[in-house]
Amino acid sequence: MKTLMKQASKIITAALLVLVCASSSFAELRSVQFTPEENTNEGWKAYLGFSGGNSMITNDGTIFAGLRIGIDWNPLISTGLWGHVIISNVRNYNVKQKQMLDYKAFGAQGEVTPFRKGIFSISVPVNVGMGVVNTMNQGDEAFSPEDYFFVADASVHFAARVTKALEVSIGGGYRIFAGIEENNLDNSDFNTLFGELRFTIKE
């Protein structure tokens, strides 16, 4: 029960963090009038996205935050760049000394949106990239780079267009890693299901 409460607390914290980051944008976007009948897909559009979510690393729940930038080329296809950081460090129990872990990753994204109806849509984003696992032993003052990896994930997102420029989506998927081999860790310690809440501004 305590574990479930801990996971729920982390998910709520991630959602609140994303809301705070995007609040200044929301104030302006709320003033934009929007109706479902309005055509929101004329030509290509640039987008900026903020996200937060929960995943598992070394059997411990952790919160990640993300940033995306890119272009919607048409109603079906979009491409861009992304970056993720872990904001809730986890413990590496595979070593004797007390050691905390996090990671940073970045890469490219492609997203297909096969379904749209009014303000609602379903999309399938796919990310590929690379990153670094950071470690901090007890007594250290800062994290240091320890191991480099490749990463890829795929997910399904359910989205609603709140205004002409703002879209909110929630979804989940699976993330896989390759190349992790330091500190008695391997790829299976990082491979994980994840859930994500996204706010996307398109103009």
C-alpha atoms as a PDB file:
ATOM      1  CA  MET A   1       0.000   0.000   0.000  1.00  0.00           C
ATOM      2  CA  LYS A   2       2.848   2.359   0.848  1.00  0.00           C
ATOM      3  CA  THR A   3       4.438   1.657  -2.543  1.00  0.00           C
ATOM      4  CA  LEU A   4       1.195   2.517  -4.372  1.00  0.00           C
ATOM      5  CA  MET A   5       0.865   5.746  -2.368  1.00  0.00           C
ATOM      6  CA  LYS A   6       4.463   6.638  -3.195  1.00  0.00           C
ATOM      7  CA  GLN A   7       3.869   6.053  -6.927  1.00  0.00           C
ATOM      8  CA  ALA A   8       0.657   8.093  -6.867  1.00  0.00           C
ATOM      9  CA  SER A   9       2.462  10.934  -5.099  1.00  0.00           C
ATOM     10  CA  LYS A  10       5.196  10.983  -7.749  1.00  0.00           C
ATOM     11  CA  ILE A  11       2.698  11.031 -10.620  1.00  0.00           C
ATOM     12  CA  ILE A  12       0.799  13.924  -9.034  1.00  0.00           C
ATOM     13  CA  THR A  13       4.067  15.805  -8.479  1.00  0.00           C
ATOM     14  CA  ALA A  14       5.008  15.382 -12.147  1.00  0.00           C
ATOM     15  CA  ALA A  15       1.632  16.670 -13.311  1.00  0.00           C
ATOM     16  CA  LEU A  16       1.863  19.700 -11.024  1.00  0.00           C
ATOM     17  CA  LEU A  17       5.385  20.464 -12.254  1.00  0.00           C
ATOM     18  CA  VAL A  18       4.266  20.484 -15.881  1.00  0.00           C
ATOM     19  CA  LEU A  19       1.268  22.658 -15.017  1.00  0.00           C
ATOM     20  CA  VAL A  20       3.508  25.208 -13.308  1.00  0.00           C
ATOM     21  CA  CYS A  21       5.942  25.273 -16.250  1.00  0.00           C
ATOM     22  CA  ALA A  22       3.145  25.866 -18.728  1.00  0.00           C
ATOM     23  CA  SER A  23       0.962  28.218 -16.650  1.00  0.00           C
ATOM     24  CA  SER A  24       2.301  31.423 -18.197  1.00  0.00           C
ATOM     25  CA  SER A  25       1.469  30.115 -21.665  1.00  0.00           C
ATOM     26  CA  PHE A  26      -2.011  29.005 -20.631  1.00  0.00           C
ATOM     27  CA  ALA A  27      -3.011  32.471 -19.470  1.00  0.00           C
ATOM     28  CA  GLU A  28      -2.520  33.860 -22.970  1.00  0.00           C
ATOM     29  CA  LEU A  29      -3.961  30.827 -24.747  1.00  0.00           C
ATOM     30  CA  ARG A  30      -7.225  30.890 -22.784  1.00  0.00           C
ATOM     31  CA  SER A  31      -8.089  34.208 -24.422  1.00  0.00           C
ATOM     32  CA  VAL A  32      -8.057  32.601 -27.896  1.00  0.00           C
ATOM     33  CA  GLN A  33     -11.527  31.651 -29.123  1.00  0.00           C
ATOM     34  CA  PHE A  34     -11.799  28.140 -30.519  1.00  0.00           C
ATOM     35  CA  THR A  35     -14.619  25.923 -31.736  1.00  0.00           C
ATOM     36  CA  PRO A  36     -14.429  22.260 -32.858  1.00  0.00           C
ATOM     37  CA  GLU A  37     -15.659  23.242 -36.311  1.00  0.00           C
ATOM     38  CA  GLU A  38     -12.688  25.538 -36.870  1.00  0.00           C
ATOM     39  CA  ASN A  39     -10.030  24.229 -39.248  1.00  0.00           C
ATOM     40  CA  THR A  40      -6.834  23.853 -37.198  1.00  0.00           C
ATOM     41  CA  ASN A  41      -4.706  22.060 -39.810  1.00  0.00           C
ATOM     42  CA  GLU A  42      -4.086  24.548 -42.603  1.00  0.00           C
ATOM     43  CA  GLY A  43      -0.526  23.944 -43.793  1.00  0.00           C
ATOM     44  CA  TRP A  44       2.378  23.064 -41.506  1.00  0.00           C
ATOM     45  CA  LYS A  45       2.667  24.309 -37.928  1.00  0.00           C
ATOM     46  CA  ALA A  46       5.575  24.606 -35.504  1.00  0.00           C
ATOM     47  CA  TYR A  47       5.043  23.154 -32.035  1.00  0.00           C
ATOM     48  CA  LEU A  48       6.564  23.422 -28.568  1.00  0.00           C
ATOM     49  CA  GLY A  49       5.709  20.780 -25.991  1.00  0.00           C
ATOM     50  CA  PHE A  50       6.184  20.262 -22.260  1.00  0.00           C
ATOM     51  CA  SER A  51       5.630  16.901 -20.593  1.00  0.00           C
ATOM     52  CA  GLY A  52       5.996  14.976 -17.365  1.00  0.00           C
ATOM     53  CA  GLY A  53       5.547  11.362 -16.449  1.00  0.00           C
ATOM     54  CA  ASN A  54       6.368   8.349 -14.328  1.00  0.00           C
ATOM     55  CA  SER A  55       8.491   5.302 -15.141  1.00  0.00           C
ATOM     56  CA  MET A  56      10.502   2.585 -13.376  1.00  0.00           C
ATOM     57  CA  ILE A  57      14.293   2.439 -13.054  1.00  0.00           C
ATOM     58  CA  THR A  58      16.017  -0.331 -11.039  1.00  0.00           C
ATOM     59  CA  ASN A  59      12.582  -1.320  -9.696  1.00  0.00           C
ATOM     60  CA  ASP A  60      11.927   2.146  -8.284  1.00  0.00           C
ATOM     61  CA  GLY A  61       9.381   4.657  -9.578  1.00  0.00           C
ATOM     62  CA  THR A  62      10.820   7.904 -10.874  1.00  0.00           C
ATOM     63  CA  ILE A  63       9.557  11.141 -12.410  1.00  0.00           C
ATOM     64  CA  PHE A  64      10.839  12.489 -15.725  1.00  0.00           C
ATOM     65  CA  ALA A  65      10.253  15.829 -17.448  1.00  0.00           C
ATOM     66  CA  GLY A  66      10.469  16.450 -21.171  1.00  0.00           C
ATOM     67  CA  LEU A  67      10.673  19.162 -23.810  1.00  0.00           C
ATOM     68  CA  ARG A  68       9.745  18.771 -27.507  1.00  0.00           C
ATOM     69  CA  ILE A  69      10.100  21.070 -30.511  1.00  0.00           C
ATOM     70  CA  GLY A  70       9.200  20.322 -34.104  1.00  0.00           C
ATOM     71  CA  ILE A  71       6.830  20.709 -37.031  1.00  0.00           C
ATOM     72  CA  ASP A  72       3.398  19.278 -37.861  1.00  0.00           C
ATOM     73  CA  TRP A  73       3.790  18.835 -41.623  1.00  0.00           C
ATOM     74  CA  ASN A  74       0.148  17.878 -42.154  1.00  0.00           C
ATOM     75  CA  PRO A  75      -2.725  16.424 -40.084  1.00  0.00           C
ATOM     76  CA  LEU A  76      -1.095  12.970 -40.175  1.00  0.00           C
ATOM     77  CA  ILE A  77       2.674  13.437 -39.729  1.00  0.00           C
ATOM     78  CA  SER A  78       4.895  15.474 -37.418  1.00  0.00           C
ATOM     79  CA  THR A  79       8.638  15.325 -36.679  1.00  0.00           C
ATOM     80  CA  GLY A  80      10.865  16.989 -34.133  1.00  0.00           C
ATOM     81  CA  LEU A  81      13.478  16.810 -31.397  1.00  0.00           C
ATOM     82  CA  TRP A  82      13.037  15.852 -27.739  1.00  0.00           C
ATOM     83  CA  GLY A  83      14.915  15.836 -24.446  1.00  0.00           C
ATOM     84  CA  HIS A  84      14.208  14.065 -21.131  1.00  0.00           C
ATOM     85  CA  VAL A  85      15.674  14.530 -17.667  1.00  0.00           C
ATOM     86  CA  ILE A  86      15.039  12.517 -14.506  1.00  0.00           C
ATOM     87  CA  ILE A  87      13.972  14.773 -11.641  1.00  0.00           C
ATOM     88  CA  SER A  88      13.483  12.054  -8.994  1.00  0.00           C
ATOM     89  CA  ASN A  89      16.703  10.143  -8.354  1.00  0.00           C
ATOM     90  CA  VAL A  90      16.647   6.374  -7.717  1.00  0.00           C
ATOM     91  CA  ARG A  91      18.853   4.025  -5.716  1.00  0.00           C
ATOM     92  CA  ASN A  92      21.222   1.525  -7.317  1.00  0.00           C
ATOM     93  CA  TYR A  93      20.912  -1.523  -5.060  1.00  0.00           C
ATOM     94  CA  ASN A  94      23.288  -3.563  -7.249  1.00  0.00           C
ATOM     95  CA  VAL A  95      26.392  -2.072  -5.608  1.00  0.00           C
ATOM     96  CA  LYS A  96      27.558  -2.191  -1.961  1.00  0.00           C
ATOM     97  CA  GLN A  97      27.988   1.552  -1.466  1.00  0.00           C
ATOM     98  CA  LYS A  98      24.987   3.868  -1.383  1.00  0.00           C
ATOM     99  CA  GLN A  99      24.652   5.155  -4.942  1.00  0.00           C
ATOM    100  CA  MET A 100      21.967   7.320  -6.546  1.00  0.00           C
ATOM    101  CA  LEU A 101      21.161   7.337 -10.275  1.00  0.00           C
ATOM    102  CA  ASP A 102      19.519   9.554 -12.833  1.00  0.00           C
ATOM    103  CA  TYR A 103      19.831   9.982 -16.595  1.00  0.00           C
ATOM    104  CA  LYS A 104      19.527  12.566 -19.345  1.00  0.00           C
ATOM    105  CA  ALA A 105      18.566  11.739 -22.939  1.00  0.00           C
ATOM    106  CA  PHE A 106      17.793  13.497 -26.213  1.00  0.00           C
ATOM    107  CA  GLY A 107      16.940  12.526 -29.774  1.00  0.00           C
ATOM    108  CA  ALA A 108      14.486  12.692 -32.663  1.00  0.00           C
ATOM    109  CA  GLN A 109      10.759  12.049 -32.751  1.00  0.00           C
ATOM    110  CA  GLY A 110       8.230  11.040 -35.370  1.00  0.00           C
ATOM    111  CA  GLU A 111       4.504  11.067 -34.630  1.00  0.00           C
ATOM    112  CA  VAL A 112       1.565   9.686 -36.607  1.00  0.00           C
ATOM    113  CA  THR A 113      -2.019  10.827 -35.891  1.00  0.00           C
ATOM    114  CA  PRO A 114      -4.322   8.276 -37.567  1.00  0.00           C
ATOM    115  CA  PHE A 115      -7.539   9.467 -35.886  1.00  0.00           C
ATOM    116  CA  ARG A 116      -9.097  12.937 -35.575  1.00  0.00           C
ATOM    117  CA  LYS A 117     -12.679  13.831 -34.752  1.00  0.00           C
ATOM    118  CA  GLY A 118     -13.585  17.364 -33.719  1.00  0.00           C
ATOM    119  CA  ILE A 119     -11.231  18.436 -30.941  1.00  0.00           C
ATOM    120  CA  PHE A 120     -10.124  14.853 -30.170  1.00  0.00           C
ATOM    121  CA  SER A 121      -7.303  12.810 -31.691  1.00  0.00           C
ATOM    122  CA  ILE A 122      -5.207   9.687 -31.147  1.00  0.00           C
ATOM    123  CA  SER A 123      -1.492   9.718 -31.990  1.00  0.00           C
ATOM    124  CA  VAL A 124       1.472   7.322 -31.906  1.00  0.00           C
ATOM    125  CA  PRO A 125       4.782   9.057 -31.094  1.00  0.00           C
ATOM    126  CA  VAL A 126       8.054   7.154 -31.571  1.00  0.00           C
ATOM    127  CA  ASN A 127      11.309   8.451 -30.056  1.00  0.00           C
ATOM    128  CA  VAL A 128      14.904   7.393 -30.718  1.00  0.00           C
ATOM    129  CA  GLY A 129      18.002   8.898 -29.153  1.00  0.00           C
ATOM    130  CA  MET A 130      20.919   8.584 -26.777  1.00  0.00           C
ATOM    131  CA  GLY A 131      21.838   9.633 -23.270  1.00  0.00           C
ATOM    132  CA  VAL A 132      24.001   9.217 -20.206  1.00  0.00           C
ATOM    133  CA  VAL A 133      23.449   7.575 -16.818  1.00  0.00           C
ATOM    134  CA  ASN A 134      24.706   9.788 -13.981  1.00  0.00           C
ATOM    135  CA  THR A 135      25.801   8.423 -10.599  1.00  0.00           C
ATOM    136  CA  MET A 136      26.463   9.926  -7.188  1.00  0.00           C
ATOM    137  CA  ASN A 137      28.025   7.919  -4.341  1.00  0.00           C
ATOM    138  CA  GLN A 138      27.412   8.762  -0.714  1.00  0.00           C
ATOM    139  CA  GLY A 139      29.715  11.622   0.247  1.00  0.00           C
ATOM    140  CA  ASP A 140      29.965  13.022  -3.286  1.00  0.00           C
ATOM    141  CA  GLU A 141      28.748  16.561  -3.940  1.00  0.00           C
ATOM    142  CA  ALA A 142      27.515  16.130  -7.510  1.00  0.00           C
ATOM    143  CA  PHE A 143      26.533  13.550 -10.107  1.00  0.00           C
ATOM    144  CA  SER A 144      29.136  12.397 -12.617  1.00  0.00           C
ATOM    145  CA  PRO A 145      28.641  10.753 -16.064  1.00  0.00           C
ATOM    146  CA  GLU A 146      29.060   6.994 -15.755  1.00  0.00           C
ATOM    147  CA  ASP A 147      27.565   5.132 -18.720  1.00  0.00           C
ATOM    148  CA  TYR A 148      26.222   6.025 -22.180  1.00  0.00           C
ATOM    149  CA  PHE A 149      23.263   4.379 -23.893  1.00  0.00           C
ATOM    150  CA  PHE A 150      20.847   4.324 -26.809  1.00  0.00           C
ATOM    151  CA  VAL A 151      17.124   4.587 -26.107  1.00  0.00           C
ATOM    152  CA  ALA A 152      13.882   4.168 -28.043  1.00  0.00           C
ATOM    153  CA  ASP A 153      10.234   4.235 -27.060  1.00  0.00           C
ATOM    154  CA  ALA A 154       6.762   4.088 -28.579  1.00  0.00           C
ATOM    155  CA  SER A 155       3.457   5.113 -27.023  1.00  0.00           C
ATOM    156  CA  VAL A 156      -0.185   5.916 -27.709  1.00  0.00           C
ATOM    157  CA  HIS A 157      -1.618   9.330 -26.755  1.00  0.00           C
ATOM    158  CA  PHE A 158      -5.199  10.517 -26.454  1.00  0.00           C
ATOM    159  CA  ALA A 159      -5.413  14.270 -27.049  1.00  0.00           C
ATOM    160  CA  ALA A 160      -7.929  17.097 -26.817  1.00  0.00           C
ATOM    161  CA  ARG A 161      -7.530  20.524 -28.433  1.00  0.00           C
ATOM    162  CA  VAL A 162      -8.291  23.014 -25.622  1.00  0.00           C
ATOM    163  CA  THR A 163      -7.801  26.144 -27.739  1.00  0.00           C
ATOM    164  CA  LYS A 164      -6.703  26.777 -31.305  1.00  0.00           C
ATOM    165  CA  ALA A 165      -3.075  26.716 -30.121  1.00  0.00           C
ATOM    166  CA  LEU A 166      -3.089  24.402 -27.092  1.00  0.00           C
ATOM    167  CA  GLU A 167      -3.427  20.608 -27.072  1.00  0.00           C
ATOM    168  CA  VAL A 168      -3.401  18.399 -23.963  1.00  0.00           C
ATOM    169  CA  SER A 169      -2.757  14.658 -24.195  1.00  0.00           C
ATOM    170  CA  ILE A 170      -2.258  11.699 -21.909  1.00  0.00           C
ATOM    171  CA  GLY A 171      -0.786   8.350 -22.864  1.00  0.00           C
ATOM    172  CA  GLY A 172       1.675   5.602 -22.155  1.00  0.00           C
ATOM    173  CA  GLY A 173       4.054   3.168 -23.771  1.00  0.00           C
ATOM    174  CA  TYR A 174       7.270   1.204 -23.408  1.00  0.00           C
ATOM    175  CA  ARG A 175      10.879   2.455 -23.343  1.00  0.00           C
ATOM    176  CA  ILE A 176      13.913   0.263 -24.125  1.00  0.00           C
ATOM    177  CA  PHE A 177      17.622   0.909 -23.551  1.00  0.00           C
ATOM    178  CA  ALA A 178      20.806  -0.515 -25.083  1.00  0.00           C
ATOM    179  CA  GLY A 179      24.417  -0.195 -23.941  1.00  0.00           C
ATOM    180  CA  ILE A 180      23.997   0.026 -20.155  1.00  0.00           C
ATOM    181  CA  GLU A 181      26.639  -2.142 -18.482  1.00  0.00           C
ATOM    182  CA  GLU A 182      28.358  -0.222 -15.646  1.00  0.00           C
ATOM    183  CA  ASN A 183      27.909  -0.579 -11.849  1.00  0.00           C
ATOM    184  CA  ASN A 184      26.312  -4.033 -12.125  1.00  0.00           C
ATOM    185  CA  LEU A 185      23.451  -2.490 -14.106  1.00  0.00           C
ATOM    186  CA  ASP A 186      22.140  -3.715 -17.438  1.00  0.00           C
ATOM    187  CA  ASN A 187      19.459  -2.739 -19.943  1.00  0.00           C
ATOM    188  CA  SER A 188      16.731  -4.668 -18.116  1.00  0.00           C
ATOM    189  CA  ASP A 189      17.173  -2.384 -15.082  1.00  0.00           C
ATOM    190  CA  PHE A 190      16.048   0.555 -17.227  1.00  0.00           C
ATOM    191  CA  ASN A 191      13.592  -0.976 -19.727  1.00  0.00           C
ATOM    192  CA  THR A 192      10.203   0.202 -18.535  1.00  0.00           C
ATOM    193  CA  LEU A 193       6.565   1.011 -19.091  1.00  0.00           C
ATOM    194  CA  PHE A 194       5.822   4.722 -18.701  1.00  0.00           C
ATOM    195  CA  GLY A 195       2.924   7.151 -18.491  1.00  0.00           C
ATOM    196  CA  GLU A 196       3.070  10.733 -19.713  1.00  0.00           C
ATOM    197  CA  LEU A 197       1.034  13.945 -19.606  1.00  0.00           C
ATOM    198  CA  ARG A 198       1.822  16.414 -22.439  1.00  0.00           C
ATOM    199  CA  PHE A 199       0.978  20.049 -23.169  1.00  0.00           C
ATOM    200  CA  THR A 200       1.657  21.103 -26.768  1.00  0.00           C
ATOM    201  CA  ILE A 201       1.495  24.644 -28.154  1.00  0.00           C
ATOM    202  CA  LYS A 202       1.083  24.835 -31.955  1.00  0.00           C
ATOM    203  CA  GLU A 203       1.249  27.961 -34.081  1.00  0.00           C
END
